[in-house]
Amino acid sequence: MSGPLSFTIHNKSSENAARTGVVETCHGSFQTPAFMPVGTKATIKGVTPDLIASTGSEIILNNAYHLMLRPGDEMIAKFGGVHEFMKWSGPILTDSGGYQAWSMADINTIDEDGVTFKSIIDGSKIRVTPERSIEIQNNLGADIIMAFDDCPSSIAPQSQHLERRRHALTVRDGALNEDEHHKRLLQSLDRTARWLERCDKAHQKKDVQALFGIVQGGTNLDLRSRSVEQVCSVDLPGYAIGGVAVGESPNAIAEVVKYTASLLPEEKPRYLMGVGYERDIVSAVAAGIDMFDCVLPSRNGRNAHAFTRNGQIHLRNARFKEDMSVLEEGCTCYTCAHGHGRAYLRHLYMSKEMLGGILVSIHNIHHFQSLMVDIRAAISENNWSWLISRWPCLQQTPATT
C-alpha cells in the first residue's frame, strides 16, 4: 500500500453495478460493500469494542464535531489518537461536522468562511472552518477523514418532518419556493467545492489519513453532475455522496444515488453517507456504492426495536411478554447465541435496565453485517435473486410489528 489507502476491486456483478473489494488503511483492511456502525463520541453506545468486532464490523465511524467539544481533539491527540483512546484497533472514519451544520441548524450560523456553532455543552460560540475541521481530524487520527461541506436540505426546509429543524432551517434559509431552493442548492455545492480545496490544502497528514470529498446537489441531477465534476477535480483517495437521507423519499434517494454513483471514479471507493434501511443499502450497492454508515442499528436498539430478516419488531409490545424465543432463529450474534429471549429483553426495557438496549444493539449491528456478508456473496456468485429471497424485509416499507 502506497499512501494512506488502497482499494482493490475483486468482483463485479453482471446484473447491476455492484462490486466487492477490499480497502486497506494504516489500521488494517475492511471488505466492501461495508457497513460502519456509528460511534459518534468514540463509543457505540453501551457496546464494548470486542463486542462490536464480534458482530463482523471491520470499520467504525466517529464524529469530529462532538469529539472536538468533549474531550477535545488536542487531548485525544495527546492520548495517541482515537484508536488508542477508545481501544479500537481497526480502521476508523471521522465525519467532518458538515452534517451537524444541517442537523443543528437552530444553534449555528453559516457563511462563506465556515460555521459558528453554539456549544451543546456550555453555550459558548465555536467556529469551525474547513481548515479547523481538518485540524480536528488530523488530531483525532482517523484513517479516513471527510471534507467540511455545506449540507443543505435536499427538499425545501419547511417540509422537514422534525419541527425544531424545520423551523431552524426555514429561519436560516427562508421559506423557499422552488426557484429559491434551487439557488440554495447551487450555493451549497459551489461552496462545498471551494471548501474542499481549502480542506485539501490544510490536510497535514496525507501519508496516513485519506481525505474524501463530498458531492452535494440535493435531488437535482444536473446539480449532482456539476458537483461531481467540481469535487472530483481534486484528486483524492475516495469520494462520498452527501445530502441524502435528509428528508426525501426512498425512491428519490435511489434515483439520486444511482445517477451520482455512475459518475464517480470507478477505481476509488464510493461512500453513501447516512444510509440507511436494508432496502436502501441494497439499492445503493446495486448502483455501485461501497461504504455505508447509519445510526439505525444502535439507536433503534436502545429504543426496543430489533431488526430481523422479516422486518423490525417492537419489543415493548405485550405479545412478547411470554415469548422466550430468540430475536431471530439461526442468528449467530452474541444475544441470540446466548439464548436471550424476547420476553427477557422486553422485561429489561420495561424495567428500564440498560442491558436491553445493549443486547439488542449488538443484535442489530450483527443483522446489518450479516446483510453485508450476503450482499458480497450475491455479487461474487452473480445471484441477486438469492439475496432478495433470503431477506424478505427488502420487499417491505420499513415498519415495526
Protein backbone atom coordinates (compact mmCIF):
# COMPACT_ATOMS: atom_id res chain seq x y z
CA MET A 1 0.00 0.00 0.00
CA SER A 2 1.48 3.33 -1.08
CA GLY A 3 -0.27 6.25 0.56
CA PRO A 4 -2.94 6.25 3.25
CA LEU A 5 -5.42 3.98 1.46
CA SER A 6 -5.65 1.45 -1.31
CA PHE A 7 -8.77 -0.03 -2.90
CA THR A 8 -8.85 -3.30 -4.80
CA ILE A 9 -11.97 -4.43 -6.65
CA HIS A 10 -12.38 -8.21 -6.55
CA ASN A 11 -15.74 -8.95 -8.18
CA LYS A 12 -18.26 -7.12 -10.33
CA SER A 13 -21.87 -8.18 -10.71
CA SER A 14 -23.13 -8.94 -14.19
CA GLU A 15 -26.67 -7.99 -13.07
CA ASN A 16 -26.02 -4.40 -11.94
CA ALA A 17 -23.19 -2.04 -10.91
CA ALA A 18 -22.44 -3.80 -7.62
CA ARG A 19 -18.86 -4.76 -6.81
CA THR A 20 -16.87 -6.31 -3.98
CA GLY A 21 -13.44 -5.24 -2.88
CA VAL A 22 -11.03 -4.53 -0.06
CA VAL A 23 -9.91 -1.18 1.32
CA GLU A 24 -6.54 -1.16 3.08
CA THR A 25 -5.65 1.53 5.61
CA CYS A 26 -2.89 2.11 8.14
CA HIS A 27 -5.00 0.31 10.77
CA GLY A 28 -5.95 -2.70 8.70
CA SER A 29 -8.38 -3.54 5.95
CA PHE A 30 -12.11 -3.90 5.50
CA GLN A 31 -14.23 -5.69 2.92
CA THR A 32 -16.62 -3.80 0.69
CA PRO A 33 -19.51 -3.24 0.46
CA ALA A 34 -19.02 -2.24 4.10
CA PHE A 35 -21.35 -1.01 6.83
CA MET A 36 -19.88 1.25 9.52
CA PRO A 37 -21.57 1.36 12.95
CA VAL A 38 -21.70 4.92 14.26
CA GLY A 39 -19.68 5.67 17.39
CA THR A 40 -20.28 9.43 17.44
CA LYS A 41 -18.38 10.20 20.66
CA ALA A 42 -15.74 7.46 20.38
CA THR A 43 -18.24 4.88 21.60
CA ILE A 44 -21.03 2.86 20.07
CA LYS A 45 -23.34 3.43 22.98
CA GLY A 46 -23.22 0.62 25.52
CA VAL A 47 -21.20 -1.80 23.38
CA THR A 48 -17.55 -2.67 24.00
CA PRO A 49 -15.02 -2.76 21.13
CA ASP A 50 -14.71 -6.54 21.44
CA LEU A 51 -18.45 -6.99 21.08
CA ILE A 52 -18.50 -4.62 18.10
CA ALA A 53 -15.81 -6.73 16.46
CA SER A 54 -17.85 -9.87 17.20
CA THR A 55 -20.70 -8.50 15.06
CA GLY A 56 -18.45 -8.63 11.99
CA SER A 57 -17.79 -4.88 11.96
CA GLU A 58 -14.40 -4.04 10.47
CA ILE A 59 -14.58 -0.22 10.40
CA ILE A 60 -16.46 2.26 12.58
CA LEU A 61 -17.33 5.97 12.41
CA ASN A 62 -16.56 8.75 14.92
CA ASN A 63 -17.71 12.37 14.72
CA ALA A 64 -15.17 15.19 14.67
CA TYR A 65 -17.59 17.87 15.89
CA HIS A 66 -18.64 16.03 19.05
CA LEU A 67 -15.11 14.89 19.91
CA MET A 68 -13.84 18.44 19.40
CA LEU A 69 -16.35 19.56 22.05
CA ARG A 70 -15.56 16.79 24.51
CA PRO A 71 -12.90 15.78 25.48
CA GLY A 72 -11.20 17.89 22.78
CA ASP A 73 -9.23 16.90 19.71
CA GLU A 74 -5.91 18.11 21.13
CA MET A 75 -6.38 15.98 24.23
CA ILE A 76 -7.18 12.91 22.13
CA ALA A 77 -4.03 13.60 20.10
CA LYS A 78 -2.01 13.53 23.35
CA PHE A 79 -3.55 10.13 24.13
CA GLY A 80 -2.36 8.75 20.77
CA GLY A 81 -5.48 9.38 18.66
CA VAL A 82 -8.94 7.85 18.63
CA HIS A 83 -7.72 4.29 18.07
CA GLU A 84 -5.73 4.28 21.28
CA PHE A 85 -8.27 6.43 23.12
CA MET A 86 -11.20 4.05 22.58
CA LYS A 87 -9.13 0.86 22.18
CA TRP A 88 -10.38 0.06 18.69
CA SER A 89 -7.54 -1.30 16.58
CA GLY A 90 -9.32 -1.39 13.23
CA PRO A 91 -9.99 1.38 10.69
CA ILE A 92 -11.93 4.48 11.76
CA LEU A 93 -13.64 7.16 9.65
CA THR A 94 -14.44 10.60 11.05
CA ASP A 95 -17.26 12.81 9.79
CA SER A 96 -16.23 16.44 9.42
CA GLY A 97 -19.02 18.32 11.18
CA GLY A 98 -20.67 19.48 7.96
CA TYR A 99 -23.74 17.37 8.70
CA GLN A 100 -24.09 18.99 12.13
CA ALA A 101 -24.37 22.36 10.42
CA TRP A 102 -27.60 21.00 8.92
CA SER A 103 -28.92 18.89 11.81
CA MET A 104 -28.20 21.63 14.37
CA ALA A 105 -29.44 24.50 12.23
CA ASP A 106 -31.13 26.07 15.26
CA ILE A 107 -27.80 26.66 17.03
CA ASN A 108 -25.49 27.70 14.21
CA THR A 109 -24.93 30.32 11.55
CA ILE A 110 -23.21 29.64 8.25
CA ASP A 111 -21.26 31.95 5.96
CA GLU A 112 -18.68 31.65 3.20
CA ASP A 113 -15.79 31.17 5.63
CA GLY A 114 -17.36 28.47 7.83
CA VAL A 115 -19.94 27.76 10.54
CA THR A 116 -20.36 29.27 14.00
CA PHE A 117 -21.90 26.76 16.39
CA LYS A 118 -23.39 27.29 19.82
CA SER A 119 -21.86 24.60 22.02
CA ILE A 120 -24.35 21.98 23.18
CA ILE A 121 -22.27 21.67 26.34
CA ASP A 122 -21.93 25.23 27.69
CA GLY A 123 -23.48 27.52 25.07
CA SER A 124 -20.18 29.08 24.02
CA LYS A 125 -19.58 30.09 20.41
CA ILE A 126 -17.37 27.71 18.43
CA ARG A 127 -16.05 28.50 14.98
CA VAL A 128 -15.48 25.63 12.54
CA THR A 129 -13.92 26.41 9.17
CA PRO A 130 -12.66 23.92 6.58
CA GLU A 131 -9.16 24.40 7.99
CA ARG A 132 -10.29 23.84 11.58
CA SER A 133 -12.30 20.74 10.62
CA ILE A 134 -9.21 19.20 9.04
CA GLU A 135 -7.05 20.19 12.01
CA ILE A 136 -9.53 18.43 14.33
CA GLN A 137 -9.49 15.30 12.20
CA ASN A 138 -5.69 15.35 11.88
CA ASN A 139 -5.53 15.44 15.68
CA LEU A 140 -8.06 12.62 16.04
CA GLY A 141 -6.00 10.42 13.74
CA ALA A 142 -8.76 8.52 11.89
CA ASP A 143 -7.80 6.54 8.80
CA ILE A 144 -10.41 8.22 6.58
CA ILE A 145 -11.39 11.84 7.11
CA MET A 146 -14.14 13.82 5.43
CA ALA A 147 -14.06 17.25 3.83
CA PHE A 148 -16.08 20.01 5.51
CA ASP A 149 -19.11 20.61 3.32
CA ASP A 150 -22.22 22.78 3.14
CA CYS A 151 -25.12 20.35 3.51
CA PRO A 152 -28.49 22.00 2.76
CA SER A 153 -31.90 20.38 2.85
CA SER A 154 -32.37 18.43 -0.34
CA ILE A 155 -36.01 19.45 -0.21
CA ALA A 156 -37.49 22.77 0.88
CA PRO A 157 -36.80 23.38 4.60
CA GLN A 158 -40.44 23.89 5.53
CA SER A 159 -41.23 20.29 4.53
CA GLN A 160 -38.83 18.75 7.08
CA HIS A 161 -40.56 16.36 9.47
CA LEU A 162 -38.80 17.40 12.70
CA GLU A 163 -40.45 20.64 13.87
CA ARG A 164 -37.34 22.08 15.53
CA ARG A 165 -35.20 21.50 12.45
CA ARG A 166 -37.94 22.65 10.07
CA HIS A 167 -38.26 25.93 11.95
CA ALA A 168 -34.49 26.45 12.18
CA LEU A 169 -33.84 25.74 8.52
CA THR A 170 -36.72 27.97 7.48
CA VAL A 171 -35.36 30.81 9.62
CA ARG A 172 -31.85 30.29 8.26
CA ASP A 173 -32.65 29.61 4.60
CA GLY A 174 -36.12 31.10 4.39
CA ALA A 175 -39.45 29.54 3.39
CA LEU A 176 -38.04 28.74 0.00
CA ASN A 177 -40.05 28.33 -3.16
CA GLU A 178 -38.74 26.05 -5.91
CA ASP A 179 -36.54 28.69 -7.56
CA GLU A 180 -35.10 29.89 -4.26
CA HIS A 181 -34.41 26.35 -3.15
CA HIS A 182 -32.56 25.71 -6.41
CA LYS A 183 -30.38 28.75 -5.73
CA ARG A 184 -29.64 27.48 -2.20
CA LEU A 185 -28.58 24.10 -3.59
CA LEU A 186 -26.37 25.79 -6.16
CA GLN A 187 -24.80 27.92 -3.45
CA SER A 188 -24.11 24.87 -1.29
CA LEU A 189 -22.40 22.79 -3.95
CA ASP A 190 -20.23 25.68 -5.15
CA ARG A 191 -19.31 26.46 -1.54
CA THR A 192 -18.61 22.77 -0.91
CA ALA A 193 -16.18 22.79 -3.84
CA ARG A 194 -14.38 25.87 -2.52
CA TRP A 195 -14.23 24.39 0.96
CA LEU A 196 -12.83 21.13 -0.43
CA GLU A 197 -9.87 22.98 -1.94
CA ARG A 198 -9.24 24.59 1.44
CA CYS A 199 -9.52 21.21 3.18
CA ASP A 200 -7.06 19.60 0.81
CA LYS A 201 -4.59 22.44 1.28
CA ALA A 202 -4.92 22.29 5.10
CA HIS A 203 -4.53 18.50 5.31
CA GLN A 204 -1.21 17.85 7.11
CA LYS A 205 -1.21 14.04 7.29
CA LYS A 206 -1.78 12.89 3.72
CA ASP A 207 0.62 9.98 4.21
CA VAL A 208 -1.56 8.29 6.87
CA GLN A 209 -5.06 9.80 6.53
CA ALA A 210 -7.21 9.54 3.40
CA LEU A 211 -9.33 12.61 2.69
CA PHE A 212 -12.68 12.00 0.94
CA GLY A 213 -14.60 14.73 -0.90
CA ILE A 214 -18.39 15.02 -0.66
CA VAL A 215 -20.81 15.51 -3.56
CA GLN A 216 -23.87 17.70 -2.96
CA GLY A 217 -26.78 18.83 -5.18
CA GLY A 218 -29.96 17.63 -3.49
CA THR A 219 -32.32 15.70 -5.76
CA ASN A 220 -31.41 17.82 -8.79
CA LEU A 221 -29.47 15.52 -11.12
CA ASP A 222 -27.94 18.37 -13.12
CA LEU A 223 -26.55 19.85 -9.91
CA ARG A 224 -25.28 16.45 -8.85
CA SER A 225 -23.40 16.24 -12.15
CA ARG A 226 -21.91 19.66 -11.60
CA SER A 227 -20.88 18.80 -8.06
CA VAL A 228 -19.21 15.54 -9.15
CA GLU A 229 -17.17 17.47 -11.70
CA GLN A 230 -16.14 20.03 -9.10
CA VAL A 231 -15.31 17.59 -6.31
CA CYS A 232 -13.54 15.04 -8.50
CA SER A 233 -11.33 17.75 -9.97
CA VAL A 234 -9.43 17.39 -6.68
CA ASP A 235 -7.56 14.07 -6.80
CA LEU A 236 -8.47 12.24 -3.59
CA PRO A 237 -8.37 8.63 -2.31
CA GLY A 238 -12.19 8.40 -2.28
CA TYR A 239 -15.46 10.27 -2.72
CA ALA A 240 -18.80 10.41 -0.90
CA ILE A 241 -22.40 11.23 -1.76
CA GLY A 242 -23.81 13.60 0.83
CA GLY A 243 -27.08 15.47 1.19
CA VAL A 244 -29.34 12.42 1.00
CA ALA A 245 -31.45 10.89 3.79
CA VAL A 246 -32.26 14.44 4.89
CA GLY A 247 -35.98 14.35 4.23
CA GLU A 248 -36.55 12.91 0.77
CA SER A 249 -38.38 9.70 -0.16
CA PRO A 250 -36.64 6.31 -0.60
CA ASN A 251 -37.37 6.48 -4.33
CA ALA A 252 -35.73 9.90 -4.58
CA ILE A 253 -32.71 8.62 -2.65
CA ALA A 254 -32.39 5.65 -5.00
CA GLU A 255 -32.62 7.83 -8.12
CA VAL A 256 -30.01 10.31 -6.89
CA VAL A 257 -27.62 7.59 -5.74
CA LYS A 258 -27.86 5.55 -8.94
CA TYR A 259 -27.23 8.62 -11.08
CA THR A 260 -24.42 10.05 -8.97
CA ALA A 261 -22.55 6.82 -8.30
CA SER A 262 -22.22 6.18 -12.03
CA LEU A 263 -20.32 9.47 -12.39
CA LEU A 264 -17.78 8.83 -9.62
CA PRO A 265 -14.34 7.33 -10.41
CA GLU A 266 -14.69 3.57 -10.72
CA GLU A 267 -11.30 2.79 -9.23
CA LYS A 268 -11.92 4.62 -5.95
CA PRO A 269 -14.24 3.77 -3.03
CA ARG A 270 -17.68 5.39 -3.08
CA TYR A 271 -19.30 6.24 0.24
CA LEU A 272 -23.02 6.97 0.72
CA MET A 273 -23.36 8.98 3.92
CA GLY A 274 -26.07 8.28 6.49
CA VAL A 275 -27.99 5.49 4.70
CA GLY A 276 -29.89 3.58 5.97
CA TYR A 277 -32.50 0.82 5.98
CA GLU A 278 -31.74 -2.55 4.41
CA ARG A 279 -33.57 -1.88 1.13
CA ASP A 280 -31.81 1.49 0.76
CA ILE A 281 -28.41 -0.16 1.23
CA VAL A 282 -29.13 -2.95 -1.26
CA SER A 283 -30.39 -0.45 -3.82
CA ALA A 284 -27.26 1.65 -3.37
CA VAL A 285 -24.94 -1.36 -3.62
CA ALA A 286 -26.62 -2.24 -6.93
CA ALA A 287 -25.78 1.31 -8.05
CA GLY A 288 -22.09 0.80 -7.24
CA ILE A 289 -21.72 2.14 -3.68
CA ASP A 290 -19.02 0.59 -1.46
CA MET A 291 -19.41 2.14 2.01
CA PHE A 292 -22.31 3.00 4.33
CA ASP A 293 -22.96 4.30 7.83
CA CYS A 294 -26.13 4.74 9.82
CA VAL A 295 -27.22 5.19 13.44
CA LEU A 296 -30.28 2.95 12.99
CA PRO A 297 -28.91 -0.32 14.45
CA SER A 298 -27.82 1.16 17.78
CA ARG A 299 -30.41 3.94 18.06
CA ASN A 300 -33.28 1.55 17.35
CA GLY A 301 -31.71 -1.00 19.69
CA ARG A 302 -31.81 1.49 22.55
CA ASN A 303 -35.48 2.11 21.75
CA ALA A 304 -36.58 -1.55 21.82
CA HIS A 305 -36.70 -2.02 18.05
CA ALA A 306 -34.99 -5.17 16.80
CA PHE A 307 -34.18 -5.78 13.14
CA THR A 308 -34.89 -9.19 11.62
CA ARG A 309 -34.85 -10.53 8.07
CA ASN A 310 -38.65 -10.32 8.12
CA GLY A 311 -38.77 -6.75 9.36
CA GLN A 312 -38.48 -4.88 12.65
CA ILE A 313 -40.18 -5.96 15.88
CA HIS A 314 -41.02 -3.67 18.78
CA LEU A 315 -40.11 -5.49 21.97
CA ARG A 316 -42.31 -3.37 24.23
CA ASN A 317 -45.38 -4.97 22.63
CA ALA A 318 -47.33 -7.11 25.10
CA ARG A 319 -47.35 -10.09 22.75
CA PHE A 320 -43.68 -10.70 23.62
CA LYS A 321 -44.35 -10.91 27.38
CA GLU A 322 -44.19 -14.74 27.39
CA ASP A 323 -42.16 -15.27 24.21
CA MET A 324 -38.85 -16.85 25.12
CA SER A 325 -37.75 -17.39 21.53
CA VAL A 326 -34.63 -15.51 20.45
CA LEU A 327 -34.88 -12.45 18.25
CA GLU A 328 -34.18 -14.49 15.13
CA GLU A 329 -33.74 -18.23 14.76
CA GLY A 330 -30.36 -19.09 13.28
CA CYS A 331 -28.83 -15.72 14.17
CA THR A 332 -25.27 -16.14 15.50
CA CYS A 333 -24.98 -12.78 17.27
CA TYR A 334 -23.98 -12.70 20.94
CA THR A 335 -27.56 -12.04 22.05
CA CYS A 336 -29.20 -14.88 20.14
CA ALA A 337 -26.32 -17.32 20.59
CA HIS A 338 -26.61 -16.93 24.37
CA GLY A 339 -30.35 -17.57 24.24
CA HIS A 340 -31.63 -14.19 25.43
CA GLY A 341 -35.35 -14.46 24.71
CA ARG A 342 -37.79 -11.80 23.63
CA ALA A 343 -39.63 -11.96 26.96
CA TYR A 344 -36.39 -11.31 28.84
CA LEU A 345 -35.45 -8.45 26.54
CA ARG A 346 -38.93 -6.94 26.93
CA HIS A 347 -38.56 -7.22 30.71
CA LEU A 348 -35.28 -5.29 30.54
CA TYR A 349 -36.89 -2.45 28.59
CA MET A 350 -39.98 -2.32 30.78
CA SER A 351 -37.73 -2.26 33.86
CA LYS A 352 -35.56 0.46 32.30
CA GLU A 353 -32.47 -1.73 32.55
CA MET A 354 -29.66 -0.63 30.23
CA LEU A 355 -28.81 -4.23 29.31
CA GLY A 356 -31.83 -4.42 27.00
CA GLY A 357 -30.50 -1.70 24.72
CA ILE A 358 -27.03 -3.21 24.78
CA LEU A 359 -28.17 -6.72 23.81
CA VAL A 360 -30.48 -5.53 21.03
CA SER A 361 -27.89 -3.08 19.70
CA ILE A 362 -25.44 -5.97 19.36
CA HIS A 363 -28.06 -8.00 17.51
CA ASN A 364 -28.99 -5.10 15.24
CA ILE A 365 -25.40 -4.34 14.25
CA HIS A 366 -24.82 -8.06 13.57
CA HIS A 367 -28.00 -8.03 11.47
CA PHE A 368 -26.60 -5.32 9.20
CA GLN A 369 -23.21 -7.01 8.99
CA SER A 370 -24.94 -10.27 8.03
CA LEU A 371 -26.70 -8.38 5.27
CA MET A 372 -23.33 -7.15 4.00
CA VAL A 373 -21.95 -10.72 4.05
CA ASP A 374 -24.88 -11.91 1.93
CA ILE A 375 -24.58 -8.91 -0.39
CA ARG A 376 -20.92 -9.71 -1.02
CA ALA A 377 -21.79 -13.37 -1.64
CA ALA A 378 -24.57 -12.42 -4.08
CA ILE A 379 -22.18 -10.20 -6.03
CA SER A 380 -19.44 -12.83 -6.11
CA GLU A 381 -21.86 -15.51 -7.29
CA ASN A 382 -23.91 -13.26 -9.62
CA ASN A 383 -27.08 -14.27 -7.81
CA TRP A 384 -29.03 -11.17 -6.82
CA SER A 385 -32.32 -13.07 -6.62
CA TRP A 386 -30.80 -15.33 -3.94
CA LEU A 387 -30.13 -12.23 -1.81
CA ILE A 388 -33.69 -10.95 -2.20
CA SER A 389 -35.14 -14.35 -1.28
CA ARG A 390 -33.06 -14.52 1.93
CA TRP A 391 -34.11 -11.06 3.09
CA PRO A 392 -37.92 -10.60 2.97
CA CYS A 393 -37.54 -7.16 4.61
CA LEU A 394 -36.13 -5.88 1.31
CA GLN A 395 -39.65 -6.06 -0.10
CA GLN A 396 -41.21 -4.09 2.74
CA THR A 397 -41.62 -0.46 3.72
CA PRO A 398 -39.62 -0.08 6.97
CA ALA A 399 -42.01 -0.64 9.87
CA THR A 400 -42.25 -2.36 13.24
CA THR A 401 -44.53 -5.14 14.33
